[in-house]
Amino acid sequence: MCHHDERGFTLGPICGIERQIHGNDGVFMAVIGTIEGKFTRRNGCRCCSFLLYVVMVGVLVGLTGNFSHATFFSAARPGSSEVGNIARGAIPEPILTFTRTIKAGDTLSAIFDRYHISTRVLLQLLSADESILALDVLRPGHRLTFTLDQENRSLVSMKLLIHPGKSVIYKRVDDCTFEYEEVITPGTWEEELLDGTISSSFYQSARSAGLTDHETGTIIELFRDQIQFTRRIRVGDRFQVIRSRQFIDGVFTGQSRIEGVRIFRGSRVYSVFLFDDGNYYDSEGDSLERALRRYPMAGHYRVSSRFNPARRHPITNRIVPHYGVDFAMPSGTSVLSIGDGVVTRIHKHPFAGIYLEIRHGSHYASRYLHLSRVLVRRGQTVKRGDRIALSGSTGRSTAPHLHYELHIGGRPVNPLTAKIPTRVAVPGTRREAFNRRVAELVATMEQSSRKLALRHTKDRS
């Protein structure tokens, strides 16, 4: 038999005690029943009867010594949820995995404080994250999933879900170390055509056609040497865009890319097409990407550590990737931007030190770590060869040097050997394949043009 107090609280632990005493010490229960009945009849107070009941059970608990303090005082409201306890930082016994969806204003340290995970563990995770710096930019919608050890409540693993196609899992190796695994799911890419007519600005018209801010910015960047969008685009001009979007199990991941664009200005047509080498070309196969520098500094400096995604730690023998190239150079040496772009990140990391990231168009990005000083600001536009920082030895560093990374399509590559834009055309051996791809995209766009012409004819009639 289970008891409820006047407010509806279930005395689950008492029920358990009563069942155990019924099984082993029925005499005690008989005594309680007798006393309870007389007390209730004499005083007519159910509340007093309840208090007497609790006291008597407490005495029995002390006599039997079979119940813990925590168990006795764990009464819960019927239908209550354990999620509220997690939100307050107290993790209930049965729940060892819980998830936090990042909201605007969230910081990693505040989240760890909320769940009573120590700063020591946070630093261990940041040490493991130094190679990819995924935890440095938490955005609303990202999800962190924590898994705790059942016995000692220590953090066993943490998963960062960036989007359905990309996540990073940090797993404990020993008391002092985590290692990470980057999980990439290719999914399927589906093409779609978006077209529109300029009614005010290109930006507003592109957004009305269904393009995102990022996609619109990419198009403006691609045509920056051909079209002045604020002056030369006029009402009535048309545009066609083919974009691909990534889906996993039918769910859009939020990732997209521009496959081809045509902009009609009077009698002129401006076009750009993405080829399978990751570069954009016009319809004649000439590159639209501005050239990148191979080295981020003037002069020659010794390479002290090369790009090696399979580098093994000399002591632990575990794989610790090195996704960049280290140049040994004195602190204060000028660091140069490898190409035109926009500064997207400036951070101070406990292990990567002071670092910055520059986005070069839609496909390329560069990172510069262990700096002593940054000479640009976030959001600033820079040119190829601009002085952007001074080298140093901040963060986890044994000597002054520059750690330089190049990312193509979101993935780190060897910056000393990777194919980078040099203002060249599609190679002759690939020209046929390029022409086939352009023909496919143009055919899709022409279908839209024919439908638009037919619609205009009907409107005039």
Protein backbone atom coordinates (compact mmCIF):
# COMPACT_ATOMS: atom_id res chain seq x y z
CA MET A 1 0.00 0.00 0.00
CA CYS A 2 1.42 3.43 -0.98
CA HIS A 3 0.71 6.60 0.97
CA HIS A 4 0.07 10.13 -0.31
CA ASP A 5 0.21 13.25 1.82
CA GLU A 6 -2.28 16.12 1.58
CA ARG A 7 -0.31 17.80 -1.27
CA GLY A 8 -0.15 14.70 -3.46
CA PHE A 9 3.46 13.67 -2.75
CA THR A 10 4.06 9.95 -3.18
CA LEU A 11 5.93 8.32 -0.34
CA GLY A 12 7.70 5.86 -2.56
CA PRO A 13 10.55 5.11 -0.11
CA ILE A 14 8.11 4.54 2.73
CA CYS A 15 6.19 2.10 0.56
CA GLY A 16 9.41 0.22 0.01
CA ILE A 17 10.20 0.20 3.72
CA GLU A 18 6.70 -0.99 4.53
CA ARG A 19 6.95 -3.83 2.04
CA GLN A 20 10.26 -4.94 3.48
CA ILE A 21 8.98 -4.78 7.06
CA HIS A 22 5.82 -6.66 6.05
CA GLY A 23 8.04 -9.39 4.73
CA ASN A 24 10.40 -9.62 7.69
CA ASP A 25 8.89 -7.89 10.68
CA GLY A 26 5.11 -8.00 10.51
CA VAL A 27 4.93 -7.44 14.26
CA PHE A 28 6.36 -3.94 13.88
CA MET A 29 3.71 -3.06 11.30
CA ALA A 30 0.96 -4.34 13.55
CA VAL A 31 2.21 -2.10 16.35
CA ILE A 32 2.30 0.90 14.04
CA GLY A 33 -1.23 0.21 12.84
CA THR A 34 -2.57 -0.01 16.37
CA ILE A 35 -0.91 3.20 17.54
CA GLU A 36 -1.90 5.04 14.40
CA GLY A 37 -5.55 4.02 14.74
CA LYS A 38 -5.83 5.09 18.38
CA PHE A 39 -4.04 8.37 17.73
CA THR A 40 -6.29 9.24 14.82
CA ARG A 41 -9.49 8.43 16.67
CA ARG A 42 -8.36 10.42 19.67
CA ASN A 43 -7.12 13.51 17.83
CA GLY A 44 -9.04 13.35 14.55
CA CYS A 45 -6.02 14.76 12.70
CA ARG A 46 -4.76 12.99 9.62
CA CYS A 47 -1.73 15.27 9.45
CA CYS A 48 -0.68 14.32 12.99
CA SER A 49 -1.28 10.70 12.13
CA PHE A 50 0.98 11.07 9.13
CA LEU A 51 3.74 12.66 11.22
CA LEU A 52 3.48 9.86 13.77
CA TYR A 53 3.70 7.35 10.96
CA VAL A 54 6.89 8.94 9.62
CA VAL A 55 8.47 9.01 13.10
CA MET A 56 7.67 5.36 13.74
CA VAL A 57 9.06 4.29 10.38
CA GLY A 58 12.18 6.33 11.12
CA VAL A 59 12.62 4.41 14.35
CA LEU A 60 12.28 1.14 12.52
CA VAL A 61 14.80 2.27 9.90
CA GLY A 62 17.25 3.02 12.68
CA LEU A 63 16.66 -0.42 14.16
CA THR A 64 16.98 -2.37 10.97
CA GLY A 65 19.83 -0.26 9.57
CA ASN A 66 18.92 -1.43 6.08
CA PHE A 67 18.10 1.92 4.45
CA SER A 68 20.26 4.78 3.38
CA HIS A 69 19.65 8.43 4.17
CA ALA A 70 19.53 9.26 0.47
CA THR A 71 16.88 6.64 -0.26
CA PHE A 72 14.63 7.72 2.59
CA PHE A 73 14.51 11.34 1.53
CA SER A 74 14.07 10.85 -2.23
CA ALA A 75 10.31 11.33 -2.48
CA ALA A 76 9.16 12.77 -5.80
CA ARG A 77 5.97 14.26 -7.14
CA PRO A 78 4.04 11.81 -9.34
CA GLY A 79 4.78 12.43 -13.01
CA SER A 80 7.67 14.77 -12.25
CA SER A 81 10.56 14.90 -14.70
CA GLU A 82 14.23 14.40 -13.93
CA VAL A 83 15.11 16.94 -16.64
CA GLY A 84 14.59 19.79 -14.19
CA ASN A 85 17.30 18.36 -11.97
CA ILE A 86 19.75 18.23 -14.89
CA ALA A 87 19.00 21.83 -15.76
CA ARG A 88 19.99 22.77 -12.21
CA GLY A 89 23.21 20.79 -12.49
CA ALA A 90 22.22 17.81 -10.33
CA ILE A 91 22.46 14.61 -12.39
CA PRO A 92 20.03 11.92 -11.18
CA GLU A 93 21.35 8.44 -10.60
CA PRO A 94 19.82 6.70 -13.65
CA ILE A 95 20.78 9.45 -16.15
CA LEU A 96 24.40 9.33 -17.28
CA THR A 97 24.03 11.05 -20.65
CA PHE A 98 22.56 14.49 -21.18
CA THR A 99 22.50 17.08 -23.96
CA ARG A 100 22.77 20.85 -24.07
CA THR A 101 21.68 22.81 -27.15
CA ILE A 102 23.77 25.94 -27.51
CA LYS A 103 21.90 29.22 -27.18
CA ALA A 104 22.99 32.78 -27.91
CA GLY A 105 25.37 33.96 -25.19
CA ASP A 106 26.41 30.47 -24.06
CA THR A 107 30.09 29.87 -23.28
CA LEU A 108 31.86 26.58 -22.77
CA SER A 109 33.05 27.49 -19.28
CA ALA A 110 29.55 28.51 -18.18
CA ILE A 111 28.09 25.24 -19.48
CA PHE A 112 30.73 23.21 -17.64
CA ASP A 113 30.06 25.16 -14.43
CA ARG A 114 26.35 24.49 -14.81
CA TYR A 115 26.93 20.75 -14.90
CA HIS A 116 29.67 20.75 -12.25
CA ILE A 117 32.40 19.60 -14.64
CA SER A 118 35.75 20.89 -13.47
CA THR A 119 37.99 23.45 -15.17
CA ARG A 120 40.70 20.78 -15.23
CA VAL A 121 38.52 18.59 -17.50
CA LEU A 122 37.66 21.61 -19.68
CA LEU A 123 41.36 22.31 -20.22
CA GLN A 124 41.94 18.65 -21.11
CA LEU A 125 39.24 18.91 -23.79
CA LEU A 126 40.66 22.18 -25.14
CA SER A 127 44.06 20.52 -25.35
CA ALA A 128 42.59 17.73 -27.49
CA ASP A 129 40.72 20.32 -29.57
CA GLU A 130 43.84 22.34 -30.40
CA SER A 131 44.25 20.65 -33.79
CA ILE A 132 40.78 21.53 -35.09
CA LEU A 133 39.58 24.36 -32.78
CA ALA A 134 35.99 23.17 -33.11
CA LEU A 135 35.08 24.20 -29.55
CA ASP A 136 36.24 27.78 -30.09
CA VAL A 137 33.21 28.73 -32.16
CA LEU A 138 30.03 27.43 -30.56
CA ARG A 139 27.00 28.70 -32.42
CA PRO A 140 23.29 28.60 -31.49
CA GLY A 141 21.89 25.24 -32.55
CA HIS A 142 25.10 23.27 -31.96
CA ARG A 143 24.58 20.45 -29.45
CA LEU A 144 26.87 19.12 -26.73
CA THR A 145 26.19 15.62 -25.40
CA PHE A 146 27.95 14.60 -22.18
CA THR A 147 28.44 11.01 -21.05
CA LEU A 148 29.46 10.36 -17.43
CA ASP A 149 30.97 7.36 -15.71
CA GLN A 150 28.30 5.53 -13.68
CA GLU A 151 30.44 5.08 -10.59
CA ASN A 152 32.44 8.27 -10.11
CA ARG A 153 30.50 10.70 -12.33
CA SER A 154 33.64 11.70 -14.26
CA LEU A 155 33.29 12.79 -17.89
CA VAL A 156 33.87 9.83 -20.22
CA SER A 157 33.09 11.50 -23.54
CA MET A 158 31.58 14.61 -25.08
CA LYS A 159 30.06 14.95 -28.52
CA LEU A 160 29.81 18.25 -30.39
CA LEU A 161 27.14 18.11 -33.10
CA ILE A 162 27.84 20.94 -35.54
CA HIS A 163 25.22 19.81 -38.04
CA PRO A 164 23.83 16.38 -39.04
CA GLY A 165 26.71 15.91 -41.47
CA LYS A 166 29.52 16.83 -39.08
CA SER A 167 30.29 16.11 -35.44
CA VAL A 168 33.35 15.79 -33.20
CA ILE A 169 33.55 13.18 -30.43
CA TYR A 170 36.02 13.68 -27.58
CA LYS A 171 36.83 10.46 -25.67
CA ARG A 172 38.78 10.08 -22.44
CA VAL A 173 42.03 8.15 -22.83
CA ASP A 174 43.33 8.40 -19.26
CA ASP A 175 43.00 10.66 -16.24
CA CYS A 176 44.72 13.54 -18.01
CA THR A 177 43.97 13.12 -21.70
CA PHE A 178 41.15 13.17 -24.25
CA GLU A 179 41.40 12.37 -27.94
CA TYR A 180 38.96 13.35 -30.65
CA GLU A 181 37.32 11.77 -33.67
CA GLU A 182 35.82 13.90 -36.43
CA VAL A 183 32.74 12.23 -37.92
CA ILE A 184 31.81 13.36 -41.43
CA THR A 185 28.66 12.00 -43.10
CA PRO A 186 28.60 12.73 -46.86
CA GLY A 187 24.83 12.50 -47.26
CA THR A 188 23.32 13.41 -50.62
CA TRP A 189 23.53 16.73 -52.46
CA GLU A 190 20.44 17.89 -54.33
CA GLU A 191 20.53 20.64 -56.93
CA GLU A 192 17.84 23.28 -57.32
CA LEU A 193 17.41 26.38 -59.48
CA LEU A 194 16.56 29.77 -58.05
CA ASP A 195 15.94 32.76 -60.29
CA GLY A 196 14.70 36.28 -59.91
CA THR A 197 14.46 39.79 -61.27
CA ILE A 198 16.11 42.77 -59.61
CA SER A 199 13.42 44.90 -57.96
CA SER A 200 15.58 46.96 -55.62
CA SER A 201 19.08 45.82 -54.65
CA PHE A 202 20.69 42.54 -55.68
CA TYR A 203 20.91 41.51 -52.03
CA GLN A 204 17.20 42.01 -51.34
CA SER A 205 16.18 40.36 -54.62
CA ALA A 206 18.45 37.36 -53.99
CA ARG A 207 17.05 36.92 -50.48
CA SER A 208 13.50 37.13 -51.87
CA ALA A 209 14.39 34.39 -54.37
CA GLY A 210 15.35 32.07 -51.50
CA LEU A 211 19.13 32.53 -51.23
CA THR A 212 20.69 32.80 -47.79
CA ASP A 213 22.91 35.63 -46.56
CA HIS A 214 25.99 33.44 -46.98
CA GLU A 215 25.03 32.34 -50.52
CA THR A 216 24.30 35.91 -51.57
CA GLY A 217 27.65 37.05 -50.16
CA THR A 218 29.42 34.25 -52.04
CA ILE A 219 27.92 35.39 -55.36
CA ILE A 220 28.87 39.02 -54.76
CA GLU A 221 32.42 37.89 -53.91
CA LEU A 222 32.69 35.75 -57.05
CA PHE A 223 31.74 38.65 -59.35
CA ARG A 224 33.56 41.39 -57.45
CA ASP A 225 36.06 41.97 -60.32
CA GLN A 226 33.33 42.11 -62.98
CA ILE A 227 30.28 43.77 -61.44
CA GLN A 228 29.86 46.67 -59.03
CA PHE A 229 26.65 45.48 -57.40
CA THR A 230 25.87 48.81 -55.72
CA ARG A 231 26.14 50.83 -58.95
CA ARG A 232 25.80 48.68 -62.04
CA ILE A 233 22.92 46.36 -61.15
CA ARG A 234 19.61 47.90 -62.19
CA VAL A 235 15.92 47.19 -61.74
CA GLY A 236 14.85 44.63 -64.33
CA ASP A 237 18.19 42.79 -64.51
CA ARG A 238 17.82 39.04 -64.01
CA PHE A 239 19.81 36.31 -62.28
CA GLN A 240 19.82 32.50 -62.19
CA VAL A 241 21.49 30.43 -59.49
CA ILE A 242 21.91 26.67 -59.21
CA ARG A 243 22.75 25.58 -55.70
CA SER A 244 23.25 22.20 -54.05
CA ARG A 245 22.02 21.42 -50.56
CA GLN A 246 23.14 18.51 -48.38
CA PHE A 247 20.57 16.09 -46.96
CA ILE A 248 21.03 13.18 -44.56
CA ASP A 249 18.11 10.77 -44.25
CA GLY A 250 15.91 13.41 -45.85
CA VAL A 251 16.91 16.14 -43.37
CA PHE A 252 18.63 19.32 -44.60
CA THR A 253 21.95 19.76 -42.77
CA GLY A 254 22.23 23.50 -43.36
CA GLN A 255 25.16 23.05 -45.76
CA SER A 256 24.94 24.37 -49.30
CA ARG A 257 27.18 25.41 -52.20
CA ILE A 258 26.78 27.50 -55.32
CA GLU A 259 27.16 25.40 -58.50
CA GLY A 260 26.57 28.04 -61.14
CA VAL A 261 25.34 31.62 -61.60
CA ARG A 262 24.25 33.73 -64.55
CA ILE A 263 23.49 37.45 -64.24
CA PHE A 264 21.82 39.26 -67.15
CA ARG A 265 22.61 42.99 -67.43
CA GLY A 266 21.00 44.36 -70.58
CA SER A 267 22.57 42.43 -73.46
CA ARG A 268 25.51 41.15 -71.38
CA VAL A 269 25.63 37.85 -69.51
CA TYR A 270 28.04 37.29 -66.59
CA SER A 271 28.51 33.67 -65.59
CA VAL A 272 30.47 31.54 -63.14
CA PHE A 273 30.57 27.75 -62.69
CA LEU A 274 32.03 25.48 -60.01
CA PHE A 275 34.25 22.69 -61.37
CA ASP A 276 35.22 19.43 -59.62
CA ASP A 277 38.63 20.87 -58.65
CA GLY A 278 36.86 23.19 -56.21
CA ASN A 279 37.53 26.35 -58.23
CA TYR A 280 35.16 28.72 -60.01
CA TYR A 281 35.57 29.59 -63.71
CA ASP A 282 33.72 31.66 -66.25
CA SER A 283 32.05 30.02 -69.26
CA GLU A 284 35.38 30.09 -71.16
CA GLY A 285 37.17 28.18 -68.40
CA ASP A 286 39.17 31.15 -67.04
CA SER A 287 39.63 31.23 -63.26
CA LEU A 288 37.71 33.78 -61.20
CA GLU A 289 39.58 32.98 -57.99
CA ARG A 290 42.25 35.46 -57.00
CA ALA A 291 45.72 34.03 -56.57
CA LEU A 292 46.93 32.93 -53.12
CA ARG A 293 50.44 33.18 -51.72
CA ARG A 294 52.21 29.93 -50.93
CA TYR A 295 53.90 31.35 -47.80
CA PRO A 296 52.46 33.73 -45.18
CA MET A 297 55.63 35.77 -44.71
CA ALA A 298 58.38 37.51 -46.59
CA GLY A 299 61.80 35.89 -46.68
CA HIS A 300 62.70 32.28 -45.93
CA TYR A 301 62.33 30.51 -42.58
CA ARG A 302 63.05 26.95 -41.58
CA VAL A 303 60.15 24.49 -41.38
CA SER A 304 60.35 23.14 -37.83
CA SER A 305 57.29 20.86 -38.06
CA ARG A 306 55.53 19.65 -41.20
CA PHE A 307 51.90 18.92 -41.99
CA ASN A 308 51.17 15.39 -40.73
CA PRO A 309 47.60 14.20 -40.01
CA ALA A 310 48.99 10.88 -38.70
CA ARG A 311 51.72 12.27 -36.42
CA ARG A 312 52.31 10.13 -33.32
CA HIS A 313 53.09 11.55 -29.93
CA PRO A 314 56.69 10.63 -29.02
CA ILE A 315 55.72 9.51 -25.49
CA THR A 316 52.16 8.19 -25.63
CA ASN A 317 52.44 6.85 -29.21
CA ARG A 318 48.90 8.08 -29.87
CA ILE A 319 48.03 9.82 -33.11
CA VAL A 320 48.03 13.59 -32.55
CA PRO A 321 47.41 15.26 -35.96
CA HIS A 322 49.43 18.29 -36.98
CA TYR A 323 47.20 20.12 -39.44
CA GLY A 324 49.60 22.90 -40.31
CA VAL A 325 53.21 23.84 -40.97
CA ASP A 326 55.41 25.43 -38.30
CA PHE A 327 57.98 28.02 -39.36
CA ALA A 328 60.73 28.80 -36.83
CA MET A 329 61.00 32.58 -36.70
CA PRO A 330 61.78 35.28 -34.11
CA SER A 331 58.88 36.80 -32.16
CA GLY A 332 57.61 39.95 -33.86
CA THR A 333 58.13 38.75 -37.43
CA SER A 334 55.46 40.14 -39.77
CA VAL A 335 52.75 37.67 -40.80
CA LEU A 336 51.13 38.30 -44.19
CA SER A 337 47.69 37.35 -45.50
CA ILE A 338 48.01 34.71 -48.21
CA GLY A 339 45.18 36.26 -50.20
CA ASP A 340 42.27 38.67 -50.35
CA GLY A 341 39.62 37.85 -47.79
CA VAL A 342 37.71 38.69 -44.62
CA VAL A 343 38.91 38.15 -41.04
CA THR A 344 36.41 35.72 -39.51
CA ARG A 345 38.04 34.74 -36.20
CA ILE A 346 40.35 36.30 -33.61
CA HIS A 347 40.73 34.28 -30.41
CA LYS A 348 43.01 33.65 -27.47
CA HIS A 349 43.21 29.90 -26.84
CA PRO A 350 45.00 28.28 -23.87
CA PHE A 351 46.95 25.99 -26.22
CA ALA A 352 46.76 27.55 -29.71
CA GLY A 353 47.57 30.93 -28.20
CA ILE A 354 46.49 34.10 -29.99
CA TYR A 355 45.28 33.14 -33.45
CA LEU A 356 43.24 34.47 -36.33
CA GLU A 357 41.39 33.02 -39.31
CA ILE A 358 40.77 34.59 -42.72
CA ARG A 359 38.16 33.39 -45.21
CA HIS A 360 39.25 33.70 -48.86
CA GLY A 361 36.09 33.46 -50.95
CA SER A 362 33.78 30.50 -50.48
CA HIS A 363 36.30 27.67 -50.68
CA TYR A 364 39.52 28.69 -48.91
CA ALA A 365 40.48 29.71 -45.37
CA SER A 366 43.80 30.29 -43.60
CA ARG A 367 44.77 30.18 -39.91
CA TYR A 368 47.73 31.70 -38.09
CA LEU A 369 48.50 30.46 -34.53
CA HIS A 370 50.77 31.36 -31.55
CA LEU A 371 50.83 35.04 -32.49
CA SER A 372 52.16 37.77 -30.21
CA ARG A 373 49.93 40.50 -31.66
CA VAL A 374 47.04 40.81 -34.13
CA LEU A 375 47.02 43.85 -36.41
CA VAL A 376 43.51 43.47 -37.86
CA ARG A 377 40.00 43.22 -36.46
CA ARG A 378 37.21 40.71 -36.94
CA GLY A 379 35.15 41.48 -40.05
CA GLN A 380 37.93 43.49 -41.68
CA THR A 381 38.64 43.00 -45.39
CA VAL A 382 42.30 42.32 -46.17
CA LYS A 383 44.31 42.08 -49.37
CA ARG A 384 46.87 39.54 -50.51
CA GLY A 385 50.18 40.35 -48.81
CA ASP A 386 48.68 42.64 -46.14
CA ARG A 387 50.48 42.65 -42.76
CA ILE A 388 47.94 41.03 -40.42
CA ALA A 389 49.88 39.97 -37.29
CA LEU A 390 53.22 39.46 -35.55
CA SER A 391 54.54 35.98 -34.84
CA GLY A 392 55.16 34.87 -31.25
CA SER A 393 55.07 31.98 -28.82
CA THR A 394 51.69 32.27 -27.07
CA GLY A 395 49.73 29.23 -25.92
CA ARG A 396 51.41 25.83 -25.69
CA SER A 397 54.68 26.60 -27.42
CA THR A 398 58.29 25.73 -26.63
CA ALA A 399 59.89 28.38 -28.88
CA PRO A 400 58.86 31.32 -31.09
CA HIS A 401 57.31 30.14 -34.34
CA LEU A 402 54.33 30.55 -36.68
CA HIS A 403 51.85 27.72 -37.08
CA TYR A 404 50.12 28.20 -40.45
CA GLU A 405 47.12 26.23 -41.77
CA LEU A 406 45.28 26.18 -45.09
CA HIS A 407 41.73 24.79 -45.33
CA ILE A 408 40.06 23.94 -48.65
CA GLY A 409 36.36 23.11 -48.59
CA GLY A 410 36.42 23.04 -44.78
CA ARG A 411 39.22 20.46 -44.56
CA PRO A 412 42.88 21.07 -43.61
CA VAL A 413 45.42 20.41 -46.37
CA ASN A 414 49.19 20.61 -46.67
CA PRO A 415 49.75 24.30 -47.43
CA LEU A 416 53.13 23.63 -49.05
CA THR A 417 51.81 21.18 -51.66
CA ALA A 418 48.07 21.90 -52.04
CA LYS A 419 46.72 23.17 -55.35
CA ILE A 420 45.89 26.84 -54.84
CA PRO A 421 44.41 29.45 -57.21
CA THR A 422 47.02 31.03 -59.45
CA ARG A 423 44.74 32.80 -61.93
CA VAL A 424 45.01 30.03 -64.49
CA ALA A 425 42.43 28.47 -66.79
CA VAL A 426 41.05 24.93 -66.71
CA PRO A 427 43.86 22.60 -67.88
CA GLY A 428 43.55 21.42 -71.47
CA THR A 429 43.24 17.79 -70.35
CA ARG A 430 40.15 18.69 -68.29
CA ARG A 431 38.53 21.13 -70.70
CA GLU A 432 36.13 18.57 -72.19
CA ALA A 433 34.85 17.55 -68.73
CA PHE A 434 34.47 21.22 -67.79
CA ASN A 435 32.47 21.98 -70.94
CA ARG A 436 30.13 19.06 -70.23
CA ARG A 437 29.49 20.35 -66.71
CA VAL A 438 28.80 23.87 -67.95
CA ALA A 439 26.40 22.49 -70.59
CA GLU A 440 24.45 20.60 -67.91
CA LEU A 441 24.07 23.68 -65.71
CA VAL A 442 23.18 25.98 -68.60
CA ALA A 443 20.53 23.50 -69.84
CA THR A 444 18.85 23.64 -66.43
CA MET A 445 18.96 27.44 -66.48
CA GLU A 446 17.54 27.60 -70.01
CA GLN A 447 14.49 25.62 -68.92
CA SER A 448 13.79 28.34 -66.38
CA SER A 449 14.29 31.04 -69.04
CA ARG A 450 11.77 29.36 -71.37
CA LYS A 451 9.22 29.14 -68.55
CA LEU A 452 9.80 32.81 -67.71
CA ALA A 453 9.34 33.83 -71.38
CA LEU A 454 6.13 31.81 -71.61
CA ARG A 455 4.83 33.43 -68.46
CA HIS A 456 5.54 36.92 -69.81
CA THR A 457 3.74 36.04 -73.08
CA LYS A 458 0.65 34.96 -71.19
CA ASP A 459 0.74 38.11 -69.08
CA ARG A 460 0.82 40.33 -72.20
CA SER A 461 -2.06 38.44 -73.78
